[in-house]
Amino acid sequence: RVGILGATGYAALELIKILLRHPAAEITVLTSRLEEQPHVSEVHPQLAGRLDLGLEQFDLESLAGRVDVVFSCLPHAASAEVVRQLVDAGVTVIDFSADYRLDDIDVYQRWYEVEHPDPGRVGKVPYGLPELYREQIRGAPLVANPGCYPTSAILPLAPLLSAGLISASDIVVDSKSGVSGAGRTPRLGTLYPECNESISAYGVGAHRHTPEMNQLLSAAAGSGVEVIFTPHLVPMNRGILTTIYAPLAGDASEQELIDALKAAYEAEPFVHVVKDLPATSHVSGTNHCHLTARRVGGRAVLVSCLDNLVKGAAGQAVQNMNIMCGFSESEGLNQLAIYP
């Protein structure tokens, strides 16, 4: 029995779509902070005739007896406030916010500019990237679902840092994301006339996913890593393409870089090392990440792509649920790319 908190957004809709084809999941509760309580099909017309539930306000006593697993799609700080109550009540939770991703509460409060509502759990919650932390995720009561940009950067970088093939310094992460990554709340920069036929950088040196990348990559490298991260908004609905420039630590060939990535992910169902340069259309609507490597001079150039709403959010969350609950890891996640 599954509940979804904050069920009005794009990631929540993607989550509902995945869970409706998951044979072991039954969606029983959808919440929203809206004062009214519309039927879910009024908020997501795609669900007409597919899910007969109304949105409701969060109430712990009412909700706890009707769910086994909860996905929290609430924003930072607001999420931890209710996640704390749910976990204390014995409910398994996958949190989409950044509230439990960072291990250092001072770093969290500096980047997110709020006091953490559940400081006692900070640094104790598994990071929900199964390819690196599957055993910590298994059976955990709470998992921090990764950010979409960090997933696209950590997957290609972590194995090469662990193998000592690239330097831990001077790593540049350049990412392009579809507009759905900005969420469903209207903003000037994501209005159609503002973003169509245009590409723009934002959050240069200040994007909140930066400390998440640094933390996880430092763990992989065994030493401090501080990436230069620049995200860009591109005029497409979904998808992330990340290009990474990392100095080589030695004289590794291009084939050695690719072989290291293949060795890391050869048994993984959702990460694929490809020969050609990947494109977002190859993974659109799927929980898959495609990545590859090139050597250019003294640098490794890594390219990865994923769907920001699936492997970058809802699909990865269901992958985590499958591991936490003992289901087949791929259950509900075998969708092929939806493009063209």
C-alpha atoms as a PDB file:
ATOM      1  CA  ARG A   1       0.000   0.000   0.000  1.00  0.00           C
ATOM      2  CA  VAL A   2       1.596   3.202  -1.249  1.00  0.00           C
ATOM      3  CA  GLY A   3       1.053   6.828  -0.333  1.00  0.00           C
ATOM      4  CA  ILE A   4       2.389   9.838  -2.235  1.00  0.00           C
ATOM      5  CA  LEU A   5       2.837  13.165  -0.470  1.00  0.00           C
ATOM      6  CA  GLY A   6       2.710  16.206  -2.722  1.00  0.00           C
ATOM      7  CA  ALA A   7       1.017  14.402  -5.594  1.00  0.00           C
ATOM      8  CA  THR A   8       0.406  17.375  -7.898  1.00  0.00           C
ATOM      9  CA  GLY A   9       3.840  17.727  -9.549  1.00  0.00           C
ATOM     10  CA  TYR A  10       5.478  16.202 -12.602  1.00  0.00           C
ATOM     11  CA  ALA A  11       7.625  13.738 -10.645  1.00  0.00           C
ATOM     12  CA  ALA A  12       4.563  12.592  -8.689  1.00  0.00           C
ATOM     13  CA  LEU A  13       2.640  12.011 -11.922  1.00  0.00           C
ATOM     14  CA  GLU A  14       5.533   9.958 -13.285  1.00  0.00           C
ATOM     15  CA  LEU A  15       5.582   8.012 -10.024  1.00  0.00           C
ATOM     16  CA  ILE A  16       1.859   7.267 -10.267  1.00  0.00           C
ATOM     17  CA  LYS A  17       2.275   6.040 -13.852  1.00  0.00           C
ATOM     18  CA  ILE A  18       5.048   3.648 -12.805  1.00  0.00           C
ATOM     19  CA  LEU A  19       3.181   2.361  -9.752  1.00  0.00           C
ATOM     20  CA  LEU A  20       0.035   1.675 -11.784  1.00  0.00           C
ATOM     21  CA  ARG A  21       2.011  -0.927 -13.753  1.00  0.00           C
ATOM     22  CA  HIS A  22       3.795  -2.320 -10.683  1.00  0.00           C
ATOM     23  CA  PRO A  23       2.154  -5.661  -9.793  1.00  0.00           C
ATOM     24  CA  ALA A  24       2.992  -5.420  -6.069  1.00  0.00           C
ATOM     25  CA  ALA A  25       1.910  -1.808  -5.507  1.00  0.00           C
ATOM     26  CA  GLU A  26      -1.503  -0.356  -4.718  1.00  0.00           C
ATOM     27  CA  ILE A  27      -1.784   3.429  -4.480  1.00  0.00           C
ATOM     28  CA  THR A  28      -4.002   4.142  -1.473  1.00  0.00           C
ATOM     29  CA  VAL A  29      -3.279   7.759  -0.470  1.00  0.00           C
ATOM     30  CA  LEU A  30      -2.467  10.945  -2.373  1.00  0.00           C
ATOM     31  CA  THR A  31      -1.897  14.162  -0.460  1.00  0.00           C
ATOM     32  CA  SER A  32      -1.638  17.796  -1.405  1.00  0.00           C
ATOM     33  CA  ARG A  33      -1.251  21.049   0.462  1.00  0.00           C
ATOM     34  CA  LEU A  34      -4.118  22.489  -1.605  1.00  0.00           C
ATOM     35  CA  GLU A  35      -7.049  23.620   0.520  1.00  0.00           C
ATOM     36  CA  GLU A  36      -9.547  21.974  -1.800  1.00  0.00           C
ATOM     37  CA  GLN A  37      -9.508  18.195  -2.308  1.00  0.00           C
ATOM     38  CA  PRO A  38      -9.865  17.572  -6.062  1.00  0.00           C
ATOM     39  CA  HIS A  39      -9.986  14.177  -7.695  1.00  0.00           C
ATOM     40  CA  VAL A  40      -6.540  13.203  -8.981  1.00  0.00           C
ATOM     41  CA  SER A  41      -7.816  13.289 -12.573  1.00  0.00           C
ATOM     42  CA  GLU A  42      -8.635  16.989 -12.163  1.00  0.00           C
ATOM     43  CA  VAL A  43      -4.980  17.662 -11.404  1.00  0.00           C
ATOM     44  CA  HIS A  44      -3.558  15.053 -13.807  1.00  0.00           C
ATOM     45  CA  PRO A  45      -6.070  14.495 -16.629  1.00  0.00           C
ATOM     46  CA  GLN A  46      -3.898  11.642 -17.941  1.00  0.00           C
ATOM     47  CA  LEU A  47      -5.193   9.544 -15.039  1.00  0.00           C
ATOM     48  CA  ALA A  48      -8.891   9.745 -15.918  1.00  0.00           C
ATOM     49  CA  GLY A  49     -10.328   6.251 -15.599  1.00  0.00           C
ATOM     50  CA  ARG A  50      -7.014   4.894 -14.264  1.00  0.00           C
ATOM     51  CA  LEU A  51      -6.979   5.901 -10.589  1.00  0.00           C
ATOM     52  CA  ASP A  52     -10.050   6.750  -8.525  1.00  0.00           C
ATOM     53  CA  LEU A  53      -8.608   8.760  -5.641  1.00  0.00           C
ATOM     54  CA  GLY A  54      -9.054  12.264  -4.327  1.00  0.00           C
ATOM     55  CA  LEU A  55      -6.245  14.390  -2.963  1.00  0.00           C
ATOM     56  CA  GLU A  56      -6.308  14.946   0.782  1.00  0.00           C
ATOM     57  CA  GLN A  57      -4.481  16.931   3.421  1.00  0.00           C
ATOM     58  CA  PHE A  58      -1.690  15.144   5.289  1.00  0.00           C
ATOM     59  CA  ASP A  59      -2.895  13.659   8.568  1.00  0.00           C
ATOM     60  CA  LEU A  60      -0.562  11.212  10.287  1.00  0.00           C
ATOM     61  CA  GLU A  61      -3.224   9.253  12.185  1.00  0.00           C
ATOM     62  CA  SER A  62      -5.386   8.840   9.110  1.00  0.00           C
ATOM     63  CA  LEU A  63      -2.543   8.020   6.754  1.00  0.00           C
ATOM     64  CA  ALA A  64      -0.313   5.712   8.821  1.00  0.00           C
ATOM     65  CA  GLY A  65      -2.868   2.884   8.947  1.00  0.00           C
ATOM     66  CA  ARG A  66      -3.466   2.937   5.188  1.00  0.00           C
ATOM     67  CA  VAL A  67       0.080   2.768   3.827  1.00  0.00           C
ATOM     68  CA  ASP A  68       3.161   0.578   4.031  1.00  0.00           C
ATOM     69  CA  VAL A  69       5.424   2.811   1.922  1.00  0.00           C
ATOM     70  CA  VAL A  70       5.307   6.560   1.382  1.00  0.00           C
ATOM     71  CA  PHE A  71       7.015   8.615  -1.312  1.00  0.00           C
ATOM     72  CA  SER A  72       7.472  12.204  -0.182  1.00  0.00           C
ATOM     73  CA  CYS A  73       7.506  14.621  -3.115  1.00  0.00           C
ATOM     74  CA  LEU A  74       7.405  17.651  -0.821  1.00  0.00           C
ATOM     75  CA  PRO A  75      10.011  20.446  -0.970  1.00  0.00           C
ATOM     76  CA  HIS A  76      12.988  20.611   1.376  1.00  0.00           C
ATOM     77  CA  ALA A  77      12.263  21.293   5.064  1.00  0.00           C
ATOM     78  CA  ALA A  78       8.540  20.645   4.542  1.00  0.00           C
ATOM     79  CA  SER A  79       9.424  17.060   3.651  1.00  0.00           C
ATOM     80  CA  ALA A  80      11.572  16.274   6.696  1.00  0.00           C
ATOM     81  CA  GLU A  81       8.897  17.613   9.014  1.00  0.00           C
ATOM     82  CA  VAL A  82       6.424  14.928   7.915  1.00  0.00           C
ATOM     83  CA  VAL A  83       8.979  12.228   7.077  1.00  0.00           C
ATOM     84  CA  ARG A  84      10.142  12.339  10.692  1.00  0.00           C
ATOM     85  CA  GLN A  85       6.612  11.581  11.886  1.00  0.00           C
ATOM     86  CA  LEU A  86       6.080   8.782   9.370  1.00  0.00           C
ATOM     87  CA  VAL A  87       9.340   6.955  10.080  1.00  0.00           C
ATOM     88  CA  ASP A  88       8.717   7.242  13.819  1.00  0.00           C
ATOM     89  CA  ALA A  89       5.315   5.641  13.162  1.00  0.00           C
ATOM     90  CA  GLY A  90       6.945   2.676  11.402  1.00  0.00           C
ATOM     91  CA  VAL A  91       6.210   3.680   7.795  1.00  0.00           C
ATOM     92  CA  THR A  92       8.881   3.075   5.142  1.00  0.00           C
ATOM     93  CA  VAL A  93       9.697   6.321   3.313  1.00  0.00           C
ATOM     94  CA  ILE A  94      11.529   7.357   0.138  1.00  0.00           C
ATOM     95  CA  ASP A  95      12.178  11.098   0.277  1.00  0.00           C
ATOM     96  CA  PHE A  96      12.513  13.070  -2.981  1.00  0.00           C
ATOM     97  CA  SER A  97      13.754  16.231  -1.255  1.00  0.00           C
ATOM     98  CA  ALA A  98      17.319  17.124  -0.314  1.00  0.00           C
ATOM     99  CA  ASP A  99      16.580  16.899   3.414  1.00  0.00           C
ATOM    100  CA  TYR A 100      18.485  13.658   4.042  1.00  0.00           C
ATOM    101  CA  ARG A 101      20.981  13.606   1.160  1.00  0.00           C
ATOM    102  CA  LEU A 102      23.744  15.610   2.834  1.00  0.00           C
ATOM    103  CA  ASP A 103      25.702  14.190   5.759  1.00  0.00           C
ATOM    104  CA  ASP A 104      26.716  17.538   7.276  1.00  0.00           C
ATOM    105  CA  ILE A 105      23.907  19.573   8.795  1.00  0.00           C
ATOM    106  CA  ASP A 106      25.937  22.782   8.570  1.00  0.00           C
ATOM    107  CA  VAL A 107      26.403  22.251   4.836  1.00  0.00           C
ATOM    108  CA  TYR A 108      22.668  21.605   4.460  1.00  0.00           C
ATOM    109  CA  GLN A 109      21.688  24.721   6.373  1.00  0.00           C
ATOM    110  CA  ARG A 110      24.199  26.879   4.494  1.00  0.00           C
ATOM    111  CA  TRP A 111      22.992  25.792   1.037  1.00  0.00           C
ATOM    112  CA  TYR A 112      19.269  25.516   1.803  1.00  0.00           C
ATOM    113  CA  GLU A 113      19.081  28.428   4.263  1.00  0.00           C
ATOM    114  CA  VAL A 114      16.670  26.710   6.650  1.00  0.00           C
ATOM    115  CA  GLU A 115      16.980  24.940   9.967  1.00  0.00           C
ATOM    116  CA  HIS A 116      16.678  21.183   9.540  1.00  0.00           C
ATOM    117  CA  PRO A 117      13.446  19.777  11.066  1.00  0.00           C
ATOM    118  CA  ASP A 118      14.962  16.337  11.793  1.00  0.00           C
ATOM    119  CA  PRO A 119      18.658  16.881  12.606  1.00  0.00           C
ATOM    120  CA  GLY A 120      19.061  13.593  14.480  1.00  0.00           C
ATOM    121  CA  ARG A 121      18.790  11.562  11.254  1.00  0.00           C
ATOM    122  CA  VAL A 122      21.158  13.694   9.171  1.00  0.00           C
ATOM    123  CA  GLY A 123      24.138  11.605   8.089  1.00  0.00           C
ATOM    124  CA  LYS A 124      22.400   8.322   8.967  1.00  0.00           C
ATOM    125  CA  VAL A 125      20.100   7.899   5.946  1.00  0.00           C
ATOM    126  CA  PRO A 126      21.250   5.801   2.948  1.00  0.00           C
ATOM    127  CA  TYR A 127      21.739   7.734  -0.281  1.00  0.00           C
ATOM    128  CA  GLY A 128      19.385   6.152  -2.787  1.00  0.00           C
ATOM    129  CA  LEU A 129      21.751   5.479  -5.688  1.00  0.00           C
ATOM    130  CA  PRO A 130      21.400   1.680  -5.944  1.00  0.00           C
ATOM    131  CA  GLU A 131      24.418   1.200  -8.183  1.00  0.00           C
ATOM    132  CA  LEU A 132      26.655   2.435  -5.342  1.00  0.00           C
ATOM    133  CA  TYR A 133      24.652   1.869  -2.142  1.00  0.00           C
ATOM    134  CA  ARG A 134      22.395  -1.109  -2.741  1.00  0.00           C
ATOM    135  CA  GLU A 135      23.278  -2.934   0.487  1.00  0.00           C
ATOM    136  CA  GLN A 136      22.668   0.142   2.656  1.00  0.00           C
ATOM    137  CA  ILE A 137      19.305   0.684   0.931  1.00  0.00           C
ATOM    138  CA  ARG A 138      18.142  -2.896   1.437  1.00  0.00           C
ATOM    139  CA  GLY A 139      15.706  -2.995   4.389  1.00  0.00           C
ATOM    140  CA  ALA A 140      16.281   0.656   5.339  1.00  0.00           C
ATOM    141  CA  PRO A 141      13.273   2.493   6.846  1.00  0.00           C
ATOM    142  CA  LEU A 142      14.161   5.740   5.041  1.00  0.00           C
ATOM    143  CA  VAL A 143      16.136   6.461   1.870  1.00  0.00           C
ATOM    144  CA  ALA A 144      17.180   9.821   0.423  1.00  0.00           C
ATOM    145  CA  ASN A 145      16.354   9.747  -3.291  1.00  0.00           C
ATOM    146  CA  PRO A 146      19.178  11.462  -5.223  1.00  0.00           C
ATOM    147  CA  GLY A 147      18.911  14.642  -7.231  1.00  0.00           C
ATOM    148  CA  CYS A 148      18.630  14.329 -11.002  1.00  0.00           C
ATOM    149  CA  TYR A 149      21.794  16.265 -11.853  1.00  0.00           C
ATOM    150  CA  PRO A 150      23.925  14.414  -9.258  1.00  0.00           C
ATOM    151  CA  THR A 151      22.755  11.047 -10.605  1.00  0.00           C
ATOM    152  CA  SER A 152      23.904  12.019 -14.094  1.00  0.00           C
ATOM    153  CA  ALA A 153      27.316  13.132 -12.786  1.00  0.00           C
ATOM    154  CA  ILE A 154      28.039  10.569 -10.064  1.00  0.00           C
ATOM    155  CA  LEU A 155      27.370   7.500 -12.212  1.00  0.00           C
ATOM    156  CA  PRO A 156      30.131   8.246 -14.767  1.00  0.00           C
ATOM    157  CA  LEU A 157      32.581   9.836 -12.325  1.00  0.00           C
ATOM    158  CA  ALA A 158      32.499   7.533  -9.284  1.00  0.00           C
ATOM    159  CA  PRO A 159      34.065   4.409 -10.878  1.00  0.00           C
ATOM    160  CA  LEU A 160      36.865   6.407 -12.492  1.00  0.00           C
ATOM    161  CA  LEU A 161      37.649   8.230  -9.258  1.00  0.00           C
ATOM    162  CA  SER A 162      37.592   4.961  -7.311  1.00  0.00           C
ATOM    163  CA  ALA A 163      39.997   3.397  -9.838  1.00  0.00           C
ATOM    164  CA  GLY A 164      42.336   6.390  -9.675  1.00  0.00           C
ATOM    165  CA  LEU A 165      42.040   6.994 -13.425  1.00  0.00           C
ATOM    166  CA  ILE A 166      41.037  10.656 -13.126  1.00  0.00           C
ATOM    167  CA  SER A 167      42.129  13.468 -10.845  1.00  0.00           C
ATOM    168  CA  ALA A 168      39.929  14.543  -7.931  1.00  0.00           C
ATOM    169  CA  SER A 169      40.544  18.217  -8.735  1.00  0.00           C
ATOM    170  CA  ASP A 170      39.501  20.534 -11.569  1.00  0.00           C
ATOM    171  CA  ILE A 171      36.425  18.481 -12.583  1.00  0.00           C
ATOM    172  CA  VAL A 172      33.910  20.439 -14.666  1.00  0.00           C
ATOM    173  CA  VAL A 173      30.300  19.209 -14.826  1.00  0.00           C
ATOM    174  CA  ASP A 174      28.184  20.820 -17.565  1.00  0.00           C
ATOM    175  CA  SER A 175      24.507  19.740 -17.620  1.00  0.00           C
ATOM    176  CA  LYS A 176      21.502  20.514 -19.781  1.00  0.00           C
ATOM    177  CA  SER A 177      17.995  19.812 -18.494  1.00  0.00           C
ATOM    178  CA  GLY A 178      14.482  19.868 -19.874  1.00  0.00           C
ATOM    179  CA  VAL A 179      12.019  22.363 -18.432  1.00  0.00           C
ATOM    180  CA  SER A 180      10.127  19.791 -16.336  1.00  0.00           C
ATOM    181  CA  GLY A 181      13.145  19.792 -14.028  1.00  0.00           C
ATOM    182  CA  ALA A 182      12.047  23.211 -12.799  1.00  0.00           C
ATOM    183  CA  GLY A 183       8.774  21.763 -11.503  1.00  0.00           C
ATOM    184  CA  ARG A 184       5.157  22.576 -12.235  1.00  0.00           C
ATOM    185  CA  THR A 185       4.848  25.842 -10.312  1.00  0.00           C
ATOM    186  CA  PRO A 186       4.708  28.701 -12.860  1.00  0.00           C
ATOM    187  CA  ARG A 187       7.834  30.879 -12.990  1.00  0.00           C
ATOM    188  CA  LEU A 188       8.817  33.610 -15.415  1.00  0.00           C
ATOM    189  CA  GLY A 189      11.875  31.756 -16.692  1.00  0.00           C
ATOM    190  CA  THR A 190       9.924  28.611 -17.565  1.00  0.00           C
ATOM    191  CA  LEU A 191       7.021  30.263 -19.379  1.00  0.00           C
ATOM    192  CA  TYR A 192       6.866  29.156 -23.011  1.00  0.00           C
ATOM    193  CA  PRO A 193       7.891  32.501 -24.596  1.00  0.00           C
ATOM    194  CA  GLU A 194      10.821  32.773 -22.179  1.00  0.00           C
ATOM    195  CA  CYS A 195      12.392  29.336 -22.668  1.00  0.00           C
ATOM    196  CA  ASN A 196      11.313  28.246 -26.151  1.00  0.00           C
ATOM    197  CA  GLU A 197      13.989  28.733 -28.839  1.00  0.00           C
ATOM    198  CA  SER A 198      16.491  29.582 -26.109  1.00  0.00           C
ATOM    199  CA  ILE A 199      19.107  27.965 -23.886  1.00  0.00           C
ATOM    200  CA  SER A 200      20.353  29.564 -20.702  1.00  0.00           C
ATOM    201  CA  ALA A 201      22.700  28.832 -17.819  1.00  0.00           C
ATOM    202  CA  TYR A 202      21.530  29.297 -14.247  1.00  0.00           C
ATOM    203  CA  GLY A 203      22.785  28.728 -10.718  1.00  0.00           C
ATOM    204  CA  VAL A 204      26.420  29.125 -11.798  1.00  0.00           C
ATOM    205  CA  GLY A 205      28.555  28.211  -8.795  1.00  0.00           C
ATOM    206  CA  ALA A 206      25.473  28.279  -6.597  1.00  0.00           C
ATOM    207  CA  HIS A 207      23.256  25.334  -7.554  1.00  0.00           C
ATOM    208  CA  ARG A 208      22.139  23.315  -4.530  1.00  0.00           C
ATOM    209  CA  HIS A 209      23.067  19.998  -6.137  1.00  0.00           C
ATOM    210  CA  THR A 210      26.757  20.956  -5.983  1.00  0.00           C
ATOM    211  CA  PRO A 211      27.418  19.865  -2.367  1.00  0.00           C
ATOM    212  CA  GLU A 212      25.582  16.600  -3.064  1.00  0.00           C
ATOM    213  CA  MET A 213      27.962  15.856  -5.943  1.00  0.00           C
ATOM    214  CA  ASN A 214      30.998  16.852  -3.872  1.00  0.00           C
ATOM    215  CA  GLN A 215      29.974  14.628  -0.961  1.00  0.00           C
ATOM    216  CA  LEU A 216      29.357  11.485  -2.995  1.00  0.00           C
ATOM    217  CA  LEU A 217      32.334  11.942  -5.290  1.00  0.00           C
ATOM    218  CA  SER A 218      34.651  12.590  -2.333  1.00  0.00           C
ATOM    219  CA  ALA A 219      33.513   9.269  -0.878  1.00  0.00           C
ATOM    220  CA  ALA A 220      34.295   7.540  -4.182  1.00  0.00           C
ATOM    221  CA  ALA A 221      37.699   9.201  -4.505  1.00  0.00           C
ATOM    222  CA  GLY A 222      38.723   8.795  -0.892  1.00  0.00           C
ATOM    223  CA  SER A 223      39.724  12.466  -0.858  1.00  0.00           C
ATOM    224  CA  GLY A 224      38.082  15.846  -1.221  1.00  0.00           C
ATOM    225  CA  VAL A 225      36.353  16.619  -4.518  1.00  0.00           C
ATOM    226  CA  GLU A 226      34.896  19.999  -5.428  1.00  0.00           C
ATOM    227  CA  VAL A 227      33.337  20.106  -8.885  1.00  0.00           C
ATOM    228  CA  ILE A 228      32.579  23.174 -10.981  1.00  0.00           C
ATOM    229  CA  PHE A 229      28.921  22.619 -11.851  1.00  0.00           C
ATOM    230  CA  THR A 230      26.928  24.646 -14.372  1.00  0.00           C
ATOM    231  CA  PRO A 231      23.337  23.632 -15.219  1.00  0.00           C
ATOM    232  CA  HIS A 232      21.494  24.882 -18.302  1.00  0.00           C
ATOM    233  CA  LEU A 233      17.810  25.028 -19.215  1.00  0.00           C
ATOM    234  CA  VAL A 234      17.022  23.769 -22.714  1.00  0.00           C
ATOM    235  CA  PRO A 235      13.677  23.962 -24.554  1.00  0.00           C
ATOM    236  CA  MET A 236      12.538  20.337 -24.211  1.00  0.00           C
ATOM    237  CA  ASN A 237      10.113  18.734 -21.785  1.00  0.00           C
ATOM    238  CA  ARG A 238      12.349  16.135 -20.162  1.00  0.00           C
ATOM    239  CA  GLY A 239      15.845  14.730 -20.094  1.00  0.00           C
ATOM    240  CA  ILE A 240      19.330  15.576 -18.830  1.00  0.00           C
ATOM    241  CA  LEU A 241      22.536  15.463 -20.842  1.00  0.00           C
ATOM    242  CA  THR A 242      25.693  15.899 -18.763  1.00  0.00           C
ATOM    243  CA  THR A 243      29.165  16.402 -20.202  1.00  0.00           C
ATOM    244  CA  ILE A 244      32.065  16.147 -17.755  1.00  0.00           C
ATOM    245  CA  TYR A 245      35.679  17.224 -18.209  1.00  0.00           C
ATOM    246  CA  ALA A 246      38.098  15.554 -15.785  1.00  0.00           C
ATOM    247  CA  PRO A 247      41.924  15.612 -15.864  1.00  0.00           C
ATOM    248  CA  LEU A 248      43.504  12.188 -16.192  1.00  0.00           C
ATOM    249  CA  ALA A 249      45.467  11.054 -13.146  1.00  0.00           C
ATOM    250  CA  GLY A 250      47.868   9.055 -15.329  1.00  0.00           C
ATOM    251  CA  ASP A 251      48.021   7.956 -18.931  1.00  0.00           C
ATOM    252  CA  ALA A 252      44.821   5.911 -19.189  1.00  0.00           C
ATOM    253  CA  SER A 253      43.645   5.276 -22.721  1.00  0.00           C
ATOM    254  CA  GLU A 254      40.091   5.862 -23.893  1.00  0.00           C
ATOM    255  CA  GLN A 255      39.514   2.115 -23.901  1.00  0.00           C
ATOM    256  CA  GLU A 256      40.739   1.828 -20.311  1.00  0.00           C
ATOM    257  CA  LEU A 257      38.228   4.486 -19.258  1.00  0.00           C
ATOM    258  CA  ILE A 258      35.403   2.650 -21.014  1.00  0.00           C
ATOM    259  CA  ASP A 259      36.524  -0.706 -19.618  1.00  0.00           C
ATOM    260  CA  ALA A 260      36.459   0.713 -16.064  1.00  0.00           C
ATOM    261  CA  LEU A 261      32.910   1.943 -16.558  1.00  0.00           C
ATOM    262  CA  LYS A 262      31.835  -1.390 -18.023  1.00  0.00           C
ATOM    263  CA  ALA A 263      33.382  -3.288 -15.121  1.00  0.00           C
ATOM    264  CA  ALA A 264      31.480  -1.098 -12.648  1.00  0.00           C
ATOM    265  CA  TYR A 265      28.087  -1.463 -14.333  1.00  0.00           C
ATOM    266  CA  GLU A 266      28.127  -4.757 -16.221  1.00  0.00           C
ATOM    267  CA  ALA A 267      25.634  -6.318 -13.780  1.00  0.00           C
ATOM    268  CA  GLU A 268      23.449  -3.237 -13.422  1.00  0.00           C
ATOM    269  CA  PRO A 269      19.996  -3.335 -15.038  1.00  0.00           C
ATOM    270  CA  PHE A 270      19.677   0.417 -15.626  1.00  0.00           C
ATOM    271  CA  VAL A 271      23.158   1.773 -16.405  1.00  0.00           C
ATOM    272  CA  HIS A 272      24.584   1.083 -19.840  1.00  0.00           C
ATOM    273  CA  VAL A 273      28.015   1.988 -21.170  1.00  0.00           C
ATOM    274  CA  VAL A 274      27.482   2.705 -24.859  1.00  0.00           C
ATOM    275  CA  LYS A 275      29.897   3.014 -27.771  1.00  0.00           C
ATOM    276  CA  ASP A 276      28.320   6.010 -29.481  1.00  0.00           C
ATOM    277  CA  LEU A 277      27.583   9.373 -27.870  1.00  0.00           C
ATOM    278  CA  PRO A 278      24.271   9.060 -25.988  1.00  0.00           C
ATOM    279  CA  ALA A 279      21.257  11.323 -26.470  1.00  0.00           C
ATOM    280  CA  THR A 280      18.311  12.120 -24.208  1.00  0.00           C
ATOM    281  CA  SER A 281      15.877  10.601 -26.717  1.00  0.00           C
ATOM    282  CA  HIS A 282      17.524   7.215 -26.161  1.00  0.00           C
ATOM    283  CA  VAL A 283      16.364   7.127 -22.523  1.00  0.00           C
ATOM    284  CA  SER A 284      13.249   9.320 -22.543  1.00  0.00           C
ATOM    285  CA  GLY A 285      10.538   7.833 -20.323  1.00  0.00           C
ATOM    286  CA  THR A 286      12.852   5.119 -18.965  1.00  0.00           C
ATOM    287  CA  ASN A 287      14.802   4.417 -15.794  1.00  0.00           C
ATOM    288  CA  HIS A 288      17.991   3.944 -17.796  1.00  0.00           C
ATOM    289  CA  CYS A 289      21.193   5.972 -17.835  1.00  0.00           C
ATOM    290  CA  HIS A 290      23.447   5.791 -20.895  1.00  0.00           C
ATOM    291  CA  LEU A 291      27.049   6.896 -20.564  1.00  0.00           C
ATOM    292  CA  THR A 292      30.368   6.783 -22.381  1.00  0.00           C
ATOM    293  CA  ALA A 293      33.896   8.165 -22.230  1.00  0.00           C
ATOM    294  CA  ARG A 294      36.360   9.814 -24.590  1.00  0.00           C
ATOM    295  CA  ARG A 295      39.971  10.865 -24.088  1.00  0.00           C
ATOM    296  CA  VAL A 296      40.792  14.338 -25.384  1.00  0.00           C
ATOM    297  CA  GLY A 297      44.373  15.360 -24.714  1.00  0.00           C
ATOM    298  CA  GLY A 298      45.034  14.952 -21.009  1.00  0.00           C
ATOM    299  CA  ARG A 299      41.362  14.840 -20.037  1.00  0.00           C
ATOM    300  CA  ALA A 300      38.563  12.334 -19.855  1.00  0.00           C
ATOM    301  CA  VAL A 301      35.387  13.649 -21.437  1.00  0.00           C
ATOM    302  CA  LEU A 302      32.398  11.769 -20.028  1.00  0.00           C
ATOM    303  CA  VAL A 303      28.882  11.999 -21.437  1.00  0.00           C
ATOM    304  CA  SER A 304      25.796  10.682 -19.668  1.00  0.00           C
ATOM    305  CA  CYS A 305      22.080  11.095 -20.167  1.00  0.00           C
ATOM    306  CA  LEU A 306      18.925  10.146 -18.304  1.00  0.00           C
ATOM    307  CA  ASP A 307      15.294  11.128 -17.956  1.00  0.00           C
ATOM    308  CA  ASN A 308      15.135  13.670 -15.120  1.00  0.00           C
ATOM    309  CA  LEU A 309      11.624  12.527 -14.131  1.00  0.00           C
ATOM    310  CA  VAL A 310      12.430   8.804 -14.110  1.00  0.00           C
ATOM    311  CA  LYS A 311      16.032   7.754 -13.322  1.00  0.00           C
ATOM    312  CA  GLY A 312      16.412  11.305 -11.994  1.00  0.00           C
ATOM    313  CA  ALA A 313      13.372  11.061  -9.699  1.00  0.00           C
ATOM    314  CA  ALA A 314      10.359   8.704  -9.780  1.00  0.00           C
ATOM    315  CA  GLY A 315      11.908   5.654 -11.432  1.00  0.00           C
ATOM    316  CA  GLN A 316      14.905   5.698  -9.131  1.00  0.00           C
ATOM    317  CA  ALA A 317      12.529   6.033  -6.188  1.00  0.00           C
ATOM    318  CA  VAL A 318      10.625   2.910  -7.268  1.00  0.00           C
ATOM    319  CA  GLN A 319      13.940   1.125  -7.815  1.00  0.00           C
ATOM    320  CA  ASN A 320      14.755   2.010  -4.206  1.00  0.00           C
ATOM    321  CA  MET A 321      11.342   0.816  -3.019  1.00  0.00           C
ATOM    322  CA  ASN A 322      11.885  -2.500  -4.793  1.00  0.00           C
ATOM    323  CA  ILE A 323      15.202  -2.989  -3.003  1.00  0.00           C
ATOM    324  CA  MET A 324      13.873  -1.856   0.385  1.00  0.00           C
ATOM    325  CA  CYS A 325      10.868  -4.165   0.187  1.00  0.00           C
ATOM    326  CA  GLY A 326      12.525  -7.204  -1.363  1.00  0.00           C
ATOM    327  CA  PHE A 327      10.869  -7.023  -4.805  1.00  0.00           C
ATOM    328  CA  SER A 328      12.672  -7.597  -8.079  1.00  0.00           C
ATOM    329  CA  GLU A 329      14.676  -4.427  -8.644  1.00  0.00           C
ATOM    330  CA  SER A 330      13.296  -3.921 -12.151  1.00  0.00           C
ATOM    331  CA  GLU A 331       9.632  -4.411 -11.187  1.00  0.00           C
ATOM    332  CA  GLY A 332       7.492  -1.748 -12.862  1.00  0.00           C
ATOM    333  CA  LEU A 333      10.509  -0.214 -14.590  1.00  0.00           C
ATOM    334  CA  ASN A 334      10.818  -2.050 -17.905  1.00  0.00           C
ATOM    335  CA  GLN A 335       9.438   0.774 -20.036  1.00  0.00           C
ATOM    336  CA  LEU A 336      11.230   1.374 -23.355  1.00  0.00           C
ATOM    337  CA  ALA A 337      12.107   4.888 -24.530  1.00  0.00           C
ATOM    338  CA  ILE A 338       9.023   6.833 -25.635  1.00  0.00           C
ATOM    339  CA  TYR A 339      10.758   8.784 -28.420  1.00  0.00           C
ATOM    340  CA  PRO A 340       9.888   9.344 -31.250  1.00  0.00           C
END
